[in-house]
Structures are given as C-alpha cells and as structure tokens.
Amino acid sequence: MNFFIKILFFVSLFAFFSCKEKMEFSPYVIDFSDENRNVNQRNIEKLHALENDDTITIAFTGDTHNFFDETEKFVSKVNQNTSIDFVIHVGDLADFGLPKQYLWANTILLKLKAPYFVVVGNHDLVGNGSQAYQEMYGAFNFSFIYAGTKFIYINTNSREFEFNGTVPDINWLGEQLKPKESFTKAVVIFHVPSMDPDFDASLEESFTNTLASYNNVIFCIHGHLHGHAIYRSYNDSIFHVNVYGVENYKFNVIKIVNNQFEVEKVEF
C-alpha cells in the first residue's frame, strides 16, 4: 500500500510542477538577452566607429512579419555587398507584437554584417508590442548623423494610438530638422505614409509642412504598403520612396551622393 502511495505522490508532484510551468509561460513575457536589447543605439555606436566617404549606401527592407525565410535570404544577399554602410528596416517585424516574434526576427537581423536600424511599424505595436519594441530597439523616435546627413526615424502609426493627436510628434520632428552645423541634409524614415488611413488626418498637413519647412529633406522613406514606388505626395519637392516588402524577394539599395539619391532594385 505504501508503495502505491509513494507512486501517487511523485506522479502528483510531477503533474503540479508541469502545470505550474505551463501556467507561467506566456507569449507576452519579455525576457530579452543583452544582444536583443537597445539594438538601435548599439548600432549607432557601431556606425560611428566606421570610416565613411562621400557616398552613403543603404539597404532597405520592411514588412518582414510572417516572412522569416525571405528575411534570411535578404540578410544573406546584403552580406554579399561590402559597400553597404548600414541597413534600415521600415517596420513590421512582429505580426502580433509578440516578444517571441521580435526575437525570431532580430535573431535573423543579428546576422547582418552592417549596422542596422528598425523603425516601429503598426503590427509591432499590437498587444504589448509597444513595450517589446522599446526594450529591444529603444525609443520610437530617434535620429543620428552620418557623413553630414541626419537620419530621422519617427513613429507614424497613429491608429495604434487611437488618433489622439500625438503621433506623429510634429514638434519633435521640427526640432530634429532644424538646421545645425553638424548636418546639411536629412532623410526621414517612418512606417505609415501620411496619405494612408492609418495616419492621423488631423496631423497630415502639419506633418508635410514640417517636412518642407527647412528645405533640407533629401527624401522620405516608408513601408506599410509592401510594394515599391517613388513619388511626390503633394506636388512639392520632396520625394517619397515606398520600399519593397521582403515577400517580393526584392529590396532597395539607395545611394546618397552630393545630396542627391539614386534607387536600385535588388533581387534575391
């Protein structure tokens, strides 16, 4: 009898701890390793340590959620081009904003030889994706200067903030574009374009006016639409570039020389 009681005890104990582990597991738990934290800032530091010349060469991708195999191929192709200074991801890594999806995506991006930067996308903000993005990549709005050009990354995912009038942050953008001796021109990177229904219509005019206020934006670049196009939104002088989503098995490389830019399409 004692033997069966002991067996029952150990089976019950095993079941308790097994259930406890299952109950503690949650797809919303954020537990990132050091290499998966503060990624954008660490890559800014890497970029500043590199030598640069008169040509800035950047590889762009975006909307990689659900396309992990394609992202692997993108990274492999980019790594073959040693002239690329850095890589920009225009948002939407995590389909449902899950920390595990962030980890899957960044594990692939960590294989890039060049520094890389990620702007926040609308899918990245679902659930507790807002916290996951900030812990993995840092602030929603950030910037750095490279070879005399300022790269400004701004959150334009207005719908995820209930069109509350704060996204995008127009005042912050204006301060970033204000001319200084440290830069002559700027590139503005975001996920949702200003003509899209997911952009706060009440801020559309002030956003575009701010972009044009100092006449120093070379071009704006965004994702969200998954296709590729180069256009002027409001018949002004500012070009907008919509970069390929990774599922197209293509990406864009943009070279900036003497404050002019050229766009290349690369297949993989």
Protein backbone atom coordinates (compact mmCIF):
# COMPACT_ATOMS: atom_id res chain seq x y z
CA MET A 1 0.00 0.00 0.00
CA ASN A 2 2.80 2.38 0.95
CA PHE A 3 4.41 1.71 -2.41
CA PHE A 4 1.31 2.88 -4.30
CA ILE A 5 1.01 5.95 -2.08
CA LYS A 6 4.59 6.89 -2.89
CA ILE A 7 3.98 6.42 -6.62
CA LEU A 8 0.85 8.55 -6.42
CA PHE A 9 2.75 11.24 -4.52
CA PHE A 10 5.52 11.51 -7.11
CA VAL A 11 3.05 11.49 -10.01
CA SER A 12 1.08 14.28 -8.34
CA LEU A 13 4.26 16.25 -7.69
CA PHE A 14 5.36 15.91 -11.32
CA ALA A 15 1.95 16.99 -12.57
CA PHE A 16 1.95 20.01 -10.25
CA PHE A 17 5.27 21.36 -11.45
CA SER A 18 4.47 20.59 -15.09
CA CYS A 19 1.22 22.54 -14.84
CA LYS A 20 2.96 25.31 -12.96
CA GLU A 21 5.46 25.74 -15.79
CA LYS A 22 2.67 25.80 -18.34
CA MET A 23 0.73 28.35 -16.33
CA GLU A 24 3.77 30.60 -16.00
CA PHE A 25 4.52 30.54 -19.73
CA SER A 26 3.01 33.39 -21.68
CA PRO A 27 3.67 34.63 -25.22
CA TYR A 28 3.63 38.14 -23.77
CA VAL A 29 6.60 37.63 -21.46
CA ILE A 30 9.54 39.91 -22.34
CA ASP A 31 12.86 38.31 -21.44
CA PHE A 32 15.42 39.52 -23.96
CA SER A 33 19.13 38.77 -23.78
CA ASP A 34 21.65 41.64 -23.88
CA GLU A 35 22.21 41.31 -27.63
CA ASN A 36 18.47 41.78 -28.13
CA ARG A 37 18.25 44.98 -26.09
CA ASN A 38 18.86 48.61 -27.05
CA VAL A 39 19.70 47.44 -30.57
CA ASN A 40 19.33 50.77 -32.39
CA GLN A 41 21.65 52.64 -30.04
CA ARG A 42 24.27 49.91 -30.13
CA ASN A 43 24.21 50.02 -33.92
CA ILE A 44 24.55 53.81 -33.90
CA GLU A 45 27.74 53.34 -31.92
CA LYS A 46 28.96 50.74 -34.42
CA LEU A 47 28.16 53.05 -37.32
CA HIS A 48 30.04 55.98 -35.83
CA ALA A 49 33.11 53.79 -35.47
CA LEU A 50 33.20 53.16 -39.22
CA GLU A 51 35.01 55.27 -41.78
CA ASN A 52 32.81 56.92 -44.40
CA ASP A 53 33.34 58.61 -47.73
CA ASP A 54 31.24 60.90 -49.93
CA THR A 55 28.79 58.12 -50.82
CA ILE A 56 26.27 56.70 -48.35
CA THR A 57 24.90 53.30 -49.38
CA ILE A 58 21.87 51.92 -47.53
CA ALA A 59 19.89 48.69 -47.96
CA PHE A 60 16.19 48.91 -47.11
CA THR A 61 13.59 46.29 -46.28
CA GLY A 62 10.39 46.09 -44.29
CA ASP A 63 7.15 44.31 -43.52
CA THR A 64 9.02 41.10 -42.75
CA HIS A 65 6.38 39.73 -40.37
CA ASN A 66 5.49 36.16 -41.33
CA PHE A 67 8.34 36.04 -43.87
CA PHE A 68 11.27 34.65 -41.91
CA ASP A 69 12.74 32.54 -44.73
CA GLU A 70 12.66 35.53 -47.05
CA THR A 71 14.32 37.67 -44.39
CA GLU A 72 17.12 35.10 -44.10
CA LYS A 73 17.67 35.36 -47.86
CA PHE A 74 17.62 39.16 -47.68
CA VAL A 75 20.30 39.14 -44.99
CA SER A 76 22.44 36.71 -46.99
CA LYS A 77 22.20 38.89 -50.10
CA VAL A 78 23.01 42.10 -48.23
CA ASN A 79 26.05 40.50 -46.61
CA GLN A 80 27.49 39.90 -50.08
CA ASN A 81 27.64 43.65 -50.73
CA THR A 82 30.52 45.16 -48.77
CA SER A 83 29.73 48.69 -49.98
CA ILE A 84 26.56 48.90 -47.84
CA ASP A 85 27.11 51.26 -44.92
CA PHE A 86 24.01 50.23 -42.98
CA VAL A 87 20.57 48.65 -43.25
CA ILE A 88 17.19 50.20 -42.46
CA HIS A 89 14.09 48.16 -41.66
CA VAL A 90 10.97 50.31 -42.14
CA GLY A 91 8.86 48.42 -39.60
CA ASP A 92 6.53 45.47 -39.03
CA LEU A 93 8.78 42.72 -37.73
CA ALA A 94 6.23 41.20 -35.36
CA ASP A 95 2.85 40.28 -36.79
CA PHE A 96 1.04 40.44 -33.44
CA GLY A 97 3.59 42.39 -31.42
CA LEU A 98 4.61 39.24 -29.55
CA PRO A 99 8.03 39.30 -27.88
CA LYS A 100 8.76 35.84 -29.32
CA GLN A 101 8.15 37.22 -32.82
CA TYR A 102 10.52 40.08 -32.07
CA LEU A 103 13.15 37.53 -31.04
CA TRP A 104 12.67 35.43 -34.16
CA ALA A 105 13.06 38.49 -36.39
CA ASN A 106 16.01 40.04 -34.59
CA THR A 107 17.85 36.72 -34.42
CA ILE A 108 17.93 36.86 -38.22
CA LEU A 109 18.87 40.55 -38.41
CA LEU A 110 21.74 39.99 -35.99
CA LYS A 111 23.43 38.05 -38.80
CA LEU A 112 23.85 41.26 -40.81
CA LYS A 113 27.46 42.36 -41.11
CA ALA A 114 26.48 46.03 -41.40
CA PRO A 115 24.81 48.02 -38.61
CA TYR A 116 21.01 48.03 -38.87
CA PHE A 117 18.15 50.14 -37.59
CA VAL A 118 14.45 49.40 -37.15
CA VAL A 119 11.61 51.94 -37.12
CA VAL A 120 8.40 50.87 -35.38
CA GLY A 121 5.50 49.56 -37.51
CA ASN A 122 1.81 49.23 -36.77
CA HIS A 123 1.93 45.44 -36.35
CA ASP A 124 4.83 45.84 -33.94
CA LEU A 125 2.55 47.74 -31.55
CA VAL A 126 -0.19 45.11 -31.15
CA GLY A 127 -0.64 43.66 -27.64
CA ASN A 128 2.37 44.54 -25.51
CA GLY A 129 4.47 45.08 -28.64
CA SER A 130 4.99 48.71 -27.62
CA GLN A 131 7.00 47.62 -24.57
CA ALA A 132 8.76 44.87 -26.53
CA TYR A 133 9.89 47.32 -29.23
CA GLN A 134 11.19 49.84 -26.70
CA GLU A 135 13.12 47.19 -24.77
CA MET A 136 14.59 45.65 -27.92
CA TYR A 137 15.19 48.71 -30.10
CA GLY A 138 14.75 51.78 -27.92
CA ALA A 139 12.73 54.98 -28.36
CA PHE A 140 10.05 55.19 -31.04
CA ASN A 141 11.56 58.46 -32.28
CA PHE A 142 15.32 58.70 -32.68
CA SER A 143 17.97 60.10 -35.00
CA PHE A 144 21.68 60.12 -35.80
CA ILE A 145 24.03 61.94 -38.13
CA TYR A 146 26.23 60.07 -40.58
CA ALA A 147 28.53 61.67 -43.15
CA GLY A 148 26.83 65.04 -42.76
CA THR A 149 23.30 63.67 -43.27
CA LYS A 150 20.78 63.35 -40.46
CA PHE A 151 18.63 60.20 -40.41
CA ILE A 152 15.37 60.80 -38.56
CA TYR A 153 13.16 57.87 -37.53
CA ILE A 154 9.64 58.79 -36.45
CA ASN A 155 6.61 56.82 -35.28
CA THR A 156 3.68 57.50 -37.67
CA ASN A 157 1.39 54.66 -36.54
CA SER A 158 -1.45 56.94 -35.50
CA ARG A 159 -4.19 54.32 -35.42
CA GLU A 160 -2.41 52.31 -32.71
CA PHE A 161 -2.53 55.46 -30.56
CA GLU A 162 -6.23 55.99 -31.28
CA PHE A 163 -5.58 59.11 -33.39
CA ASN A 164 -5.02 61.04 -30.17
CA GLY A 165 -3.09 63.87 -31.84
CA THR A 166 0.34 62.90 -30.51
CA VAL A 167 1.51 60.51 -33.26
CA PRO A 168 3.46 61.54 -35.20
CA ASP A 169 5.19 64.01 -32.86
CA ILE A 170 5.29 67.11 -35.08
CA ASN A 171 7.20 69.28 -32.59
CA TRP A 172 9.92 66.65 -32.19
CA LEU A 173 10.23 66.34 -35.98
CA GLY A 174 10.57 70.10 -36.36
CA GLU A 175 13.34 70.22 -33.76
CA GLN A 176 15.18 67.38 -35.48
CA LEU A 177 15.05 69.11 -38.87
CA LYS A 178 16.17 72.49 -37.54
CA PRO A 179 19.47 73.31 -39.34
CA LYS A 180 22.72 72.90 -37.43
CA GLU A 181 26.39 72.89 -38.33
CA SER A 182 26.58 69.13 -37.80
CA PHE A 183 24.39 68.26 -40.81
CA THR A 184 23.31 69.80 -44.11
CA LYS A 185 20.55 67.44 -45.26
CA ALA A 186 18.15 64.91 -43.77
CA VAL A 187 16.38 61.65 -44.58
CA VAL A 188 13.12 60.91 -42.75
CA ILE A 189 12.11 57.29 -42.15
CA PHE A 190 8.70 56.06 -40.98
CA HIS A 191 6.30 53.16 -41.45
CA VAL A 192 2.86 54.56 -42.32
CA PRO A 193 2.82 57.23 -45.07
CA SER A 194 0.91 60.44 -44.44
CA MET A 195 -1.74 59.79 -47.12
CA ASP A 196 -2.71 56.44 -45.55
CA PRO A 197 -5.92 55.92 -43.50
CA ASP A 198 -3.75 54.67 -40.60
CA PHE A 199 -2.14 58.15 -40.39
CA ASP A 200 -3.88 60.81 -38.29
CA ALA A 201 -5.60 63.00 -40.89
CA SER A 202 -5.68 65.93 -38.47
CA LEU A 203 -1.86 65.95 -38.47
CA GLU A 204 -1.30 65.34 -42.19
CA GLU A 205 -0.94 68.99 -43.20
CA SER A 206 1.30 69.98 -40.29
CA PHE A 207 3.44 66.88 -40.86
CA THR A 208 4.03 67.64 -44.53
CA ASN A 209 4.57 71.34 -43.85
CA THR A 210 7.16 70.49 -41.21
CA LEU A 211 8.99 68.19 -43.61
CA ALA A 212 9.25 71.05 -46.09
CA SER A 213 9.90 73.82 -43.57
CA TYR A 214 13.70 73.96 -43.87
CA ASN A 215 14.08 72.65 -47.42
CA ASN A 216 16.64 70.14 -46.22
CA VAL A 217 14.90 66.74 -46.65
CA ILE A 218 16.51 64.73 -49.45
CA PHE A 219 13.74 62.13 -49.37
CA CYS A 220 11.29 60.35 -47.07
CA ILE A 221 11.06 56.59 -46.98
CA HIS A 222 8.38 54.26 -45.68
CA GLY A 223 6.88 50.77 -45.79
CA HIS A 224 3.38 49.55 -44.87
CA LEU A 225 2.21 49.13 -48.48
CA HIS A 226 4.57 46.23 -49.28
CA GLY A 227 5.22 47.43 -52.84
CA HIS A 228 7.73 49.85 -54.33
CA ALA A 229 7.20 53.34 -55.69
CA ILE A 230 8.94 56.70 -55.89
CA TYR A 231 6.57 59.65 -55.84
CA ARG A 232 5.85 63.16 -54.67
CA SER A 233 2.84 63.13 -52.37
CA TYR A 234 1.76 66.73 -52.53
CA ASN A 235 3.35 68.07 -55.71
CA ASP A 236 6.15 69.54 -53.63
CA SER A 237 9.87 68.99 -53.95
CA ILE A 238 10.14 66.07 -51.51
CA PHE A 239 10.36 62.58 -52.93
CA HIS A 240 8.83 59.68 -51.05
CA VAL A 241 10.13 56.14 -51.50
CA ASN A 242 7.97 53.14 -50.65
CA VAL A 243 10.35 50.19 -50.24
CA TYR A 244 9.71 46.60 -51.18
CA GLY A 245 8.22 44.29 -48.59
CA VAL A 246 10.51 41.30 -48.19
CA GLU A 247 7.91 38.87 -49.61
CA ASN A 248 8.63 40.33 -53.07
CA TYR A 249 12.08 38.73 -52.97
CA LYS A 250 13.44 42.20 -53.74
CA PHE A 251 14.84 45.08 -51.75
CA ASN A 252 16.00 48.61 -52.39
CA VAL A 253 19.51 49.99 -52.16
CA ILE A 254 19.74 53.77 -52.06
CA LYS A 255 22.94 55.70 -52.64
CA ILE A 256 23.25 59.31 -51.47
CA VAL A 257 25.92 61.39 -53.20
CA ASN A 258 26.22 65.19 -53.06
CA ASN A 259 22.75 65.46 -51.53
CA GLN A 260 21.23 63.53 -54.43
CA PHE A 261 19.95 59.97 -54.32
CA GLU A 262 19.53 57.03 -56.64
CA VAL A 263 17.41 53.94 -56.01
CA GLU A 264 18.38 50.42 -57.08
CA LYS A 265 16.19 47.31 -57.07
CA VAL A 266 17.96 44.13 -56.00
CA GLU A 267 16.52 40.62 -56.33
CA PHE A 268 17.40 37.69 -54.08
